[in-house]
């Protein structure tokens, strides 16, 4: 192999006459041309071997979303377990027991709303509500029945009796689902109102020939002889 063509000089040298430390123009020219390539290869090779593949923005967003979803699912599972009803012993209830608890909760709400309607409409004639309770599988007490006492009494005048009877009837029928006992109290109040209206009519039109004293005595007699009536408005009887 001849190197003379590289330097372009008139002399020619054999391959064996040159080496790594040769200072001839041809060897220096070769070393100057070969050094950048070797250096570049040496510097780039380790980077290629050790460099990790780049992560795209989409991959990073997907990883973040997966991490957040996993954390959210874990939190949701913990909240669901904490909210699940448990028995007095702290053990989770089975499906049938959970259904029973849901039914008792619904019944409790209905009973309390029912009795509250009686009390609101009865006003001063209604007393405090009392309830019948049942213990659920979760150990809590739920109202399954209730009662509100109410005075069904005659007043000092027929007009007052009419007003009392109307209030009692309105209180008995106040809930959207009055019970049989509620309707019975309402019927009794209606009967009392009819009697009071008949008495009122008699006082206004049937006693025209009586003296004022007799009229006063007749008007006062029913109030003095009548006994106050009372009834209990209940639900789910």
Protein backbone atom coordinates (compact mmCIF):
# COMPACT_ATOMS: atom_id res chain seq x y z
CA UNK A 1 0.00 0.00 0.00
CA UNK A 2 1.39 3.43 -0.88
CA UNK A 3 0.86 6.57 1.16
CA UNK A 4 2.45 8.96 -1.26
CA UNK A 5 -0.79 9.81 -2.95
CA UNK A 6 -2.12 11.28 0.30
CA UNK A 7 0.65 13.82 0.68
CA UNK A 8 0.99 14.52 -3.03
CA UNK A 9 4.86 14.72 -2.84
CA UNK A 10 7.40 13.27 -5.24
CA UNK A 11 8.84 10.72 -2.77
CA UNK A 12 7.16 7.43 -1.89
CA UNK A 13 7.40 5.50 1.40
CA UNK A 14 6.58 1.91 2.23
CA UNK A 15 3.92 1.04 4.89
CA UNK A 16 6.47 -0.59 7.10
CA UNK A 17 8.60 2.56 7.23
CA UNK A 18 5.92 4.57 9.10
CA UNK A 19 4.34 4.22 12.59
CA UNK A 20 2.24 5.96 15.20
CA UNK A 21 5.10 8.29 16.13
CA UNK A 22 6.23 9.03 12.59
CA UNK A 23 6.60 12.77 11.98
CA UNK A 24 6.53 12.71 8.18
CA UNK A 25 4.02 15.04 6.53
CA UNK A 26 1.90 12.14 5.31
CA UNK A 27 1.50 10.51 8.76
CA UNK A 28 0.75 13.82 10.43
CA UNK A 29 -1.90 14.52 7.81
CA UNK A 30 -3.45 11.08 8.38
CA UNK A 31 -3.45 11.50 12.16
CA UNK A 32 -5.05 14.95 11.89
CA UNK A 33 -7.86 13.55 9.73
CA UNK A 34 -8.43 10.37 11.75
CA UNK A 35 -8.41 11.93 15.26
CA UNK A 36 -11.80 13.80 15.08
CA UNK A 37 -13.58 10.69 13.81
CA UNK A 38 -12.12 8.51 16.56
CA UNK A 39 -12.84 11.11 19.22
CA UNK A 40 -16.39 11.52 18.03
CA UNK A 41 -16.92 7.76 18.04
CA UNK A 42 -15.43 7.39 21.50
CA UNK A 43 -17.55 10.19 22.95
CA UNK A 44 -20.80 9.17 21.29
CA UNK A 45 -20.57 5.42 21.96
CA UNK A 46 -20.94 5.59 25.76
CA UNK A 47 -23.85 8.00 25.44
CA UNK A 48 -25.63 5.67 23.05
CA UNK A 49 -25.07 2.68 25.31
CA UNK A 50 -26.09 4.40 28.57
CA UNK A 51 -28.82 6.82 27.44
CA UNK A 52 -32.39 5.91 28.47
CA UNK A 53 -35.16 6.14 25.88
CA UNK A 54 -36.93 9.53 26.06
CA UNK A 55 -40.38 9.71 27.67
CA UNK A 56 -43.00 11.52 25.67
CA UNK A 57 -45.50 13.97 27.21
CA UNK A 58 -48.38 11.57 26.44
CA UNK A 59 -46.69 8.69 28.27
CA UNK A 60 -46.03 10.87 31.30
CA UNK A 61 -49.63 12.12 31.37
CA UNK A 62 -50.89 8.54 31.08
CA UNK A 63 -48.70 7.41 33.95
CA UNK A 64 -49.87 10.32 36.10
CA UNK A 65 -53.53 9.58 35.29
CA UNK A 66 -53.09 5.89 36.10
CA UNK A 67 -51.49 6.79 39.41
CA UNK A 68 -54.30 9.20 40.28
CA UNK A 69 -56.99 6.68 39.28
CA UNK A 70 -55.39 4.04 41.43
CA UNK A 71 -55.23 6.38 44.40
CA UNK A 72 -58.84 7.51 43.82
CA UNK A 73 -60.10 3.93 43.63
CA UNK A 74 -58.36 3.09 46.88
CA UNK A 75 -59.89 6.10 48.64
CA UNK A 76 -63.37 5.28 47.27
CA UNK A 77 -63.05 1.70 48.47
CA UNK A 78 -62.04 2.86 51.94
CA UNK A 79 -64.96 5.32 52.12
CA UNK A 80 -67.43 2.65 50.98
CA UNK A 81 -66.21 0.24 53.63
CA UNK A 82 -66.42 2.92 56.31
CA UNK A 83 -69.99 3.89 55.29
CA UNK A 84 -71.27 0.31 55.10
CA UNK A 85 -73.64 -0.43 58.02
CA UNK A 86 -72.26 -2.68 60.71
CA UNK A 87 -73.76 -4.68 63.52
CA UNK A 88 -73.31 -4.00 67.24
CA UNK A 89 -70.29 -6.32 67.16
CA UNK A 90 -68.63 -4.17 64.48
CA UNK A 91 -68.97 -6.79 61.75
CA UNK A 92 -70.41 -5.77 58.35
CA UNK A 93 -74.05 -6.68 57.77
CA UNK A 94 -75.03 -9.10 55.05
CA UNK A 95 -77.30 -8.12 52.16
CA UNK A 96 -80.52 -9.16 53.91
CA UNK A 97 -79.61 -7.23 57.06
CA UNK A 98 -78.70 -4.13 55.07
CA UNK A 99 -82.07 -4.31 53.31
CA UNK A 100 -83.82 -4.54 56.69
CA UNK A 101 -81.94 -1.49 57.95
CA UNK A 102 -82.95 0.49 54.85
CA UNK A 103 -86.60 -0.46 55.35
CA UNK A 104 -86.50 0.53 59.02
CA UNK A 105 -84.91 3.87 58.18
CA UNK A 106 -87.62 4.59 55.64
CA UNK A 107 -90.35 3.57 58.10
CA UNK A 108 -88.84 5.77 60.80
CA UNK A 109 -88.91 8.81 58.50
CA UNK A 110 -92.51 8.15 57.46
CA UNK A 111 -93.74 7.69 61.04
CA UNK A 112 -92.10 10.88 62.31
CA UNK A 113 -93.39 12.90 59.37
CA UNK A 114 -96.88 11.47 59.91
CA UNK A 115 -97.01 12.41 63.59
CA UNK A 116 -95.47 15.83 62.93
CA UNK A 117 -98.35 16.57 60.54
CA UNK A 118 -100.87 15.71 63.30
CA UNK A 119 -99.15 17.99 65.79
CA UNK A 120 -98.82 20.93 63.40
CA UNK A 121 -102.51 20.85 62.43
CA UNK A 122 -103.77 20.14 65.97
CA UNK A 123 -102.18 23.21 67.50
CA UNK A 124 -103.05 23.70 71.18
CA UNK A 125 -105.43 20.72 71.13
CA UNK A 126 -102.63 18.26 70.28
CA UNK A 127 -100.13 16.81 72.73
CA UNK A 128 -96.62 15.44 72.33
CA UNK A 129 -96.07 12.47 70.06
CA UNK A 130 -94.99 9.09 71.43
CA UNK A 131 -93.38 6.34 69.38
CA UNK A 132 -93.00 2.57 69.29
CA UNK A 133 -89.46 1.46 68.45
CA UNK A 134 -87.79 -1.58 66.93
CA UNK A 135 -84.10 -2.37 67.05
CA UNK A 136 -82.45 -2.95 63.72
CA UNK A 137 -79.59 -5.31 62.83
CA UNK A 138 -77.23 -2.37 63.25
CA UNK A 139 -78.24 -1.97 66.91
CA UNK A 140 -80.11 1.32 66.39
CA UNK A 141 -83.71 2.05 67.41
CA UNK A 142 -86.18 2.93 64.66
CA UNK A 143 -89.72 4.28 65.09
CA UNK A 144 -92.26 1.90 63.55
CA UNK A 145 -95.44 3.43 65.05
CA UNK A 146 -96.58 6.62 66.73
CA UNK A 147 -99.42 8.36 68.52
CA UNK A 148 -100.48 11.96 69.14
CA UNK A 149 -103.13 12.66 71.84
CA UNK A 150 -105.69 15.30 70.89
CA UNK A 151 -108.63 16.77 72.82
CA UNK A 152 -112.00 16.35 71.17
CA UNK A 153 -114.08 18.46 73.55
CA UNK A 154 -117.12 20.66 73.44
CA UNK A 155 -116.65 24.35 73.94
CA UNK A 156 -118.55 26.80 76.10
CA UNK A 157 -120.67 27.75 73.09
CA UNK A 158 -121.80 25.86 69.99
CA UNK A 159 -119.54 28.02 67.87
CA UNK A 160 -116.51 27.11 69.98
CA UNK A 161 -117.46 23.44 69.75
CA UNK A 162 -117.66 23.77 65.96
CA UNK A 163 -114.18 25.30 65.85
CA UNK A 164 -112.73 22.57 68.07
CA UNK A 165 -114.30 19.84 65.94
CA UNK A 166 -112.94 21.38 62.74
CA UNK A 167 -109.44 21.60 64.22
CA UNK A 168 -109.53 17.98 65.36
CA UNK A 169 -110.77 16.76 61.98
CA UNK A 170 -108.06 18.72 60.17
CA UNK A 171 -105.40 17.29 62.50
CA UNK A 172 -106.67 13.73 62.02
CA UNK A 173 -106.54 13.99 58.23
CA UNK A 174 -103.37 16.12 58.03
CA UNK A 175 -100.97 13.32 56.95
CA UNK A 176 -101.00 12.21 53.35
CA UNK A 177 -101.70 8.64 54.50
CA UNK A 178 -104.17 8.81 57.44
CA UNK A 179 -104.61 5.54 59.31
CA UNK A 180 -107.86 3.86 60.23
CA UNK A 181 -107.70 5.40 63.69
CA UNK A 182 -107.10 8.82 62.14
CA UNK A 183 -110.23 8.49 60.03
CA UNK A 184 -112.25 7.32 63.04
CA UNK A 185 -111.26 10.43 65.00
CA UNK A 186 -112.11 12.62 62.01
CA UNK A 187 -115.56 11.01 61.76
CA UNK A 188 -116.20 11.60 65.46
CA UNK A 189 -115.19 15.24 65.10
CA UNK A 190 -117.57 15.67 62.16
CA UNK A 191 -120.43 14.21 64.20
CA UNK A 192 -119.70 16.61 67.05
CA UNK A 193 -119.66 19.52 64.61
CA UNK A 194 -123.09 18.56 63.23
CA UNK A 195 -124.58 18.38 66.71
CA UNK A 196 -123.10 21.76 67.58
CA UNK A 197 -124.51 23.31 64.41
CA UNK A 198 -127.96 21.90 65.19
CA UNK A 199 -127.76 23.33 68.67
CA UNK A 200 -126.63 26.65 67.29
CA UNK A 201 -129.54 26.75 64.85
CA UNK A 202 -132.00 25.95 67.62
CA UNK A 203 -130.62 28.73 69.76
CA UNK A 204 -130.86 31.23 66.93
CA UNK A 205 -134.25 30.27 65.48
CA UNK A 206 -136.08 27.84 67.77
CA UNK A 207 -136.13 29.87 70.96
CA UNK A 208 -137.80 33.02 69.73
CA UNK A 209 -140.65 32.70 72.26
CA UNK A 210 -138.35 32.20 75.23
CA UNK A 211 -137.41 34.98 77.58
CA UNK A 212 -133.84 36.24 77.62
CA UNK A 213 -133.24 34.45 80.92
CA UNK A 214 -134.46 31.14 79.49
CA UNK A 215 -132.32 31.57 76.43
CA UNK A 216 -129.27 32.14 78.62
CA UNK A 217 -130.03 29.09 80.72
CA UNK A 218 -130.50 26.87 77.67
CA UNK A 219 -127.31 28.11 76.07
CA UNK A 220 -125.34 27.46 79.24
CA UNK A 221 -126.81 24.00 79.90
CA UNK A 222 -124.93 22.01 77.22
CA UNK A 223 -121.64 23.47 78.24
CA UNK A 224 -122.22 22.64 81.88
CA UNK A 225 -123.46 19.11 81.32
CA UNK A 226 -121.25 18.05 78.44
CA UNK A 227 -118.16 16.04 79.22
CA UNK A 228 -114.93 16.67 77.39
CA UNK A 229 -114.00 13.95 74.95
CA UNK A 230 -110.54 12.91 74.01
CA UNK A 231 -109.04 10.79 71.26
CA UNK A 232 -105.61 9.62 70.22
CA UNK A 233 -104.49 10.10 66.68
CA UNK A 234 -102.07 7.35 65.82
CA UNK A 235 -100.54 5.74 62.77
CA UNK A 236 -99.75 2.19 61.72
CA UNK A 237 -102.23 0.97 64.32
